[in-house]
Amino acid sequence: MVIVRLARGGSKKRPFYSINVCDSRCRRDGRFIERVGYYNPMASGQAPKMVLNEERLAHWQGQGAQLSETVARLVKEFKKAA
């Protein structure tokens, strides 16, 4: 199954997450098919908190990809803010 989920990056105490499309059998930070955006919870000032390619996300959902619970919540907030 293909899933859209977060992959953690950044340093200790300063998380940065990539929103990746990947096979559900792969590790969290492992191999992925495509990066469709990122989420930076520590963003300050004019820096964007989240960037998402909605066109590619819709494409993958049309192909049957499932969103993880956290990604679904973030996408809902992103669309509400936009």
N, C-alpha and C. Protein backbone atom coordinates (compact mmCIF):
# COMPACT_ATOMS: atom_id res chain seq x y z
N MET A 1 0.85 -1.19 0.00
CA MET A 1 0.00 0.00 0.00
C MET A 1 0.88 1.24 0.00
N VAL A 2 0.45 2.25 -0.70
CA VAL A 2 1.17 3.53 -0.74
C VAL A 2 0.55 4.45 0.31
N ILE A 3 1.41 5.13 1.05
CA ILE A 3 0.96 5.99 2.13
C ILE A 3 1.69 7.32 2.07
N VAL A 4 1.01 8.38 2.48
CA VAL A 4 1.62 9.71 2.57
C VAL A 4 1.85 9.97 4.05
N ARG A 5 3.12 10.12 4.43
CA ARG A 5 3.44 10.29 5.84
C ARG A 5 4.62 11.23 6.04
N LEU A 6 4.87 11.55 7.31
CA LEU A 6 5.96 12.46 7.66
C LEU A 6 7.26 11.69 7.84
N ALA A 7 8.36 12.30 7.44
CA ALA A 7 9.70 11.78 7.70
C ALA A 7 10.44 12.86 8.47
N ARG A 8 10.96 12.50 9.65
CA ARG A 8 11.58 13.49 10.52
C ARG A 8 13.01 13.79 10.08
N GLY A 9 13.33 15.07 10.15
CA GLY A 9 14.67 15.54 9.89
C GLY A 9 15.00 16.59 10.93
N GLY A 10 16.03 17.36 10.70
CA GLY A 10 16.39 18.40 11.64
C GLY A 10 17.28 17.87 12.74
N SER A 11 17.61 18.74 13.66
CA SER A 11 18.50 18.35 14.75
C SER A 11 17.71 18.12 16.02
N LYS A 12 18.42 17.77 17.05
CA LYS A 12 17.79 17.51 18.35
C LYS A 12 17.05 18.75 18.83
N LYS A 13 15.82 18.56 19.27
CA LYS A 13 14.95 19.63 19.78
C LYS A 13 14.51 20.64 18.72
N ARG A 14 14.86 20.43 17.44
CA ARG A 14 14.44 21.32 16.36
C ARG A 14 13.95 20.47 15.18
N PRO A 15 12.75 19.91 15.30
CA PRO A 15 12.27 19.00 14.26
C PRO A 15 11.92 19.71 12.95
N PHE A 16 12.03 18.97 11.88
CA PHE A 16 11.66 19.41 10.54
C PHE A 16 11.14 18.16 9.84
N TYR A 17 9.97 18.24 9.25
CA TYR A 17 9.35 17.05 8.66
C TYR A 17 9.14 17.22 7.16
N SER A 18 9.48 16.18 6.41
CA SER A 18 9.17 16.11 4.99
C SER A 18 7.88 15.32 4.84
N ILE A 19 7.04 15.72 3.92
CA ILE A 19 5.81 14.98 3.64
C ILE A 19 6.10 14.14 2.41
N ASN A 20 6.21 12.82 2.62
CA ASN A 20 6.63 11.90 1.58
C ASN A 20 5.56 10.91 1.21
N VAL A 21 5.57 10.52 -0.06
CA VAL A 21 4.75 9.42 -0.55
C VAL A 21 5.67 8.21 -0.57
N CYS A 22 5.29 7.14 0.13
CA CYS A 22 6.17 5.98 0.19
C CYS A 22 5.37 4.69 0.35
N ASP A 23 6.05 3.59 0.18
CA ASP A 23 5.46 2.27 0.41
C ASP A 23 5.34 2.08 1.91
N SER A 24 4.24 1.53 2.37
CA SER A 24 4.00 1.39 3.80
C SER A 24 5.00 0.44 4.47
N ARG A 25 5.67 -0.40 3.70
CA ARG A 25 6.63 -1.34 4.27
C ARG A 25 7.99 -0.72 4.54
N CYS A 26 8.25 0.47 3.98
CA CYS A 26 9.53 1.13 4.18
C CYS A 26 9.58 1.82 5.53
N ARG A 27 10.79 2.05 6.02
CA ARG A 27 10.97 2.72 7.31
C ARG A 27 10.53 4.18 7.22
N ARG A 28 10.29 4.78 8.38
CA ARG A 28 9.79 6.16 8.45
C ARG A 28 10.69 7.13 7.69
N ASP A 29 11.99 7.06 7.93
CA ASP A 29 12.93 7.98 7.29
C ASP A 29 13.66 7.33 6.12
N GLY A 30 13.16 6.21 5.66
CA GLY A 30 13.82 5.46 4.60
C GLY A 30 13.45 5.90 3.20
N ARG A 31 13.44 4.94 2.31
CA ARG A 31 13.18 5.20 0.90
C ARG A 31 11.76 5.72 0.67
N PHE A 32 11.63 6.65 -0.25
CA PHE A 32 10.31 7.19 -0.58
C PHE A 32 10.18 7.36 -2.07
N ILE A 33 8.96 7.51 -2.53
CA ILE A 33 8.67 7.64 -3.96
C ILE A 33 8.78 9.10 -4.39
N GLU A 34 8.14 9.99 -3.64
CA GLU A 34 8.13 11.41 -4.00
C GLU A 34 7.92 12.26 -2.76
N ARG A 35 8.57 13.41 -2.74
CA ARG A 35 8.38 14.39 -1.66
C ARG A 35 7.36 15.41 -2.15
N VAL A 36 6.25 15.56 -1.42
CA VAL A 36 5.19 16.47 -1.86
C VAL A 36 5.11 17.74 -1.02
N GLY A 37 5.98 17.88 -0.04
CA GLY A 37 5.97 19.10 0.76
C GLY A 37 6.78 18.94 2.02
N TYR A 38 6.67 19.94 2.89
CA TYR A 38 7.34 19.86 4.19
C TYR A 38 6.54 20.61 5.24
N TYR A 39 6.85 20.30 6.50
CA TYR A 39 6.20 20.91 7.65
C TYR A 39 7.29 21.30 8.64
N ASN A 40 7.32 22.58 9.02
CA ASN A 40 8.32 23.09 9.95
C ASN A 40 7.60 23.67 11.17
N PRO A 41 7.43 22.87 12.24
CA PRO A 41 6.70 23.36 13.41
C PRO A 41 7.43 24.47 14.16
N MET A 42 8.73 24.63 13.93
CA MET A 42 9.52 25.64 14.63
C MET A 42 9.68 26.93 13.82
N ALA A 43 8.95 27.08 12.72
CA ALA A 43 9.08 28.25 11.87
C ALA A 43 8.73 29.52 12.64
N SER A 44 9.49 30.56 12.38
CA SER A 44 9.23 31.84 13.04
C SER A 44 9.33 32.96 12.01
N GLY A 45 8.70 34.08 12.32
CA GLY A 45 8.74 35.23 11.42
C GLY A 45 7.98 34.96 10.13
N GLN A 46 8.60 35.31 9.01
CA GLN A 46 7.97 35.18 7.70
C GLN A 46 8.14 33.80 7.08
N ALA A 47 8.88 32.94 7.75
CA ALA A 47 9.11 31.59 7.21
C ALA A 47 7.79 30.81 7.19
N PRO A 48 7.53 30.11 6.08
CA PRO A 48 6.28 29.34 6.01
C PRO A 48 6.34 28.12 6.93
N LYS A 49 5.25 27.85 7.60
CA LYS A 49 5.17 26.71 8.52
C LYS A 49 4.98 25.41 7.75
N MET A 50 4.27 25.51 6.60
CA MET A 50 4.02 24.32 5.80
C MET A 50 3.93 24.67 4.33
N VAL A 51 4.57 23.85 3.50
CA VAL A 51 4.50 23.99 2.06
C VAL A 51 4.02 22.66 1.52
N LEU A 52 3.02 22.68 0.64
CA LEU A 52 2.42 21.45 0.14
C LEU A 52 2.07 21.61 -1.33
N ASN A 53 2.45 20.63 -2.13
CA ASN A 53 2.08 20.60 -3.54
C ASN A 53 0.75 19.86 -3.64
N GLU A 54 -0.35 20.61 -3.60
CA GLU A 54 -1.69 20.02 -3.56
C GLU A 54 -2.01 19.23 -4.83
N GLU A 55 -1.46 19.65 -5.95
CA GLU A 55 -1.72 18.95 -7.21
C GLU A 55 -1.17 17.52 -7.16
N ARG A 56 0.06 17.38 -6.68
CA ARG A 56 0.68 16.05 -6.59
C ARG A 56 0.01 15.20 -5.51
N LEU A 57 -0.40 15.84 -4.42
CA LEU A 57 -1.10 15.12 -3.37
C LEU A 57 -2.42 14.56 -3.89
N ALA A 58 -3.16 15.36 -4.65
CA ALA A 58 -4.41 14.91 -5.25
C ALA A 58 -4.17 13.76 -6.23
N HIS A 59 -3.06 13.86 -6.99
CA HIS A 59 -2.70 12.80 -7.93
C HIS A 59 -2.51 11.47 -7.19
N TRP A 60 -1.74 11.51 -6.11
CA TRP A 60 -1.46 10.27 -5.37
C TRP A 60 -2.70 9.73 -4.67
N GLN A 61 -3.55 10.61 -4.18
CA GLN A 61 -4.79 10.15 -3.57
C GLN A 61 -5.69 9.50 -4.64
N GLY A 62 -5.66 10.03 -5.85
CA GLY A 62 -6.40 9.43 -6.96
C GLY A 62 -5.88 8.06 -7.33
N GLN A 63 -4.59 7.82 -7.09
CA GLN A 63 -3.98 6.52 -7.35
C GLN A 63 -4.21 5.54 -6.21
N GLY A 64 -4.84 6.00 -5.11
CA GLY A 64 -5.16 5.10 -4.01
C GLY A 64 -4.29 5.26 -2.78
N ALA A 65 -3.44 6.28 -2.74
CA ALA A 65 -2.58 6.49 -1.57
C ALA A 65 -3.42 6.94 -0.37
N GLN A 66 -3.06 6.44 0.80
CA GLN A 66 -3.74 6.80 2.04
C GLN A 66 -2.91 7.82 2.79
N LEU A 67 -3.57 8.77 3.44
CA LEU A 67 -2.88 9.75 4.27
C LEU A 67 -2.77 9.22 5.69
N SER A 68 -1.63 9.45 6.33
CA SER A 68 -1.54 9.10 7.74
C SER A 68 -2.42 10.06 8.53
N GLU A 69 -2.72 9.73 9.78
CA GLU A 69 -3.61 10.58 10.58
C GLU A 69 -3.04 11.99 10.73
N THR A 70 -1.74 12.08 10.99
CA THR A 70 -1.11 13.38 11.20
C THR A 70 -1.10 14.20 9.92
N VAL A 71 -0.78 13.57 8.80
CA VAL A 71 -0.77 14.29 7.52
C VAL A 71 -2.18 14.75 7.16
N ALA A 72 -3.18 13.93 7.42
CA ALA A 72 -4.56 14.33 7.13
C ALA A 72 -4.95 15.56 7.94
N ARG A 73 -4.55 15.59 9.21
CA ARG A 73 -4.84 16.75 10.07
C ARG A 73 -4.11 17.99 9.56
N LEU A 74 -2.84 17.85 9.18
CA LEU A 74 -2.07 18.98 8.69
C LEU A 74 -2.62 19.52 7.36
N VAL A 75 -3.02 18.63 6.48
CA VAL A 75 -3.59 19.05 5.18
C VAL A 75 -4.88 19.81 5.41
N LYS A 76 -5.70 19.33 6.33
CA LYS A 76 -6.96 20.00 6.65
C LYS A 76 -6.68 21.41 7.17
N GLU A 77 -5.70 21.57 8.06
CA GLU A 77 -5.34 22.89 8.59
C GLU A 77 -4.78 23.78 7.48
N PHE A 78 -3.97 23.19 6.58
CA PHE A 78 -3.36 23.95 5.49
C PHE A 78 -4.43 24.50 4.56
N LYS A 79 -5.41 23.67 4.21
CA LYS A 79 -6.48 24.12 3.31
C LYS A 79 -7.36 25.16 3.99
N LYS A 80 -7.56 25.03 5.28
CA LYS A 80 -8.37 26.00 6.03
C LYS A 80 -7.67 27.36 6.06
N ALA A 81 -6.35 27.37 6.22
CA ALA A 81 -5.58 28.61 6.30
C ALA A 81 -5.47 29.29 4.93
N ALA A 82 -5.49 28.50 3.86
CA ALA A 82 -5.33 29.05 2.51
C ALA A 82 -6.60 29.60 1.94
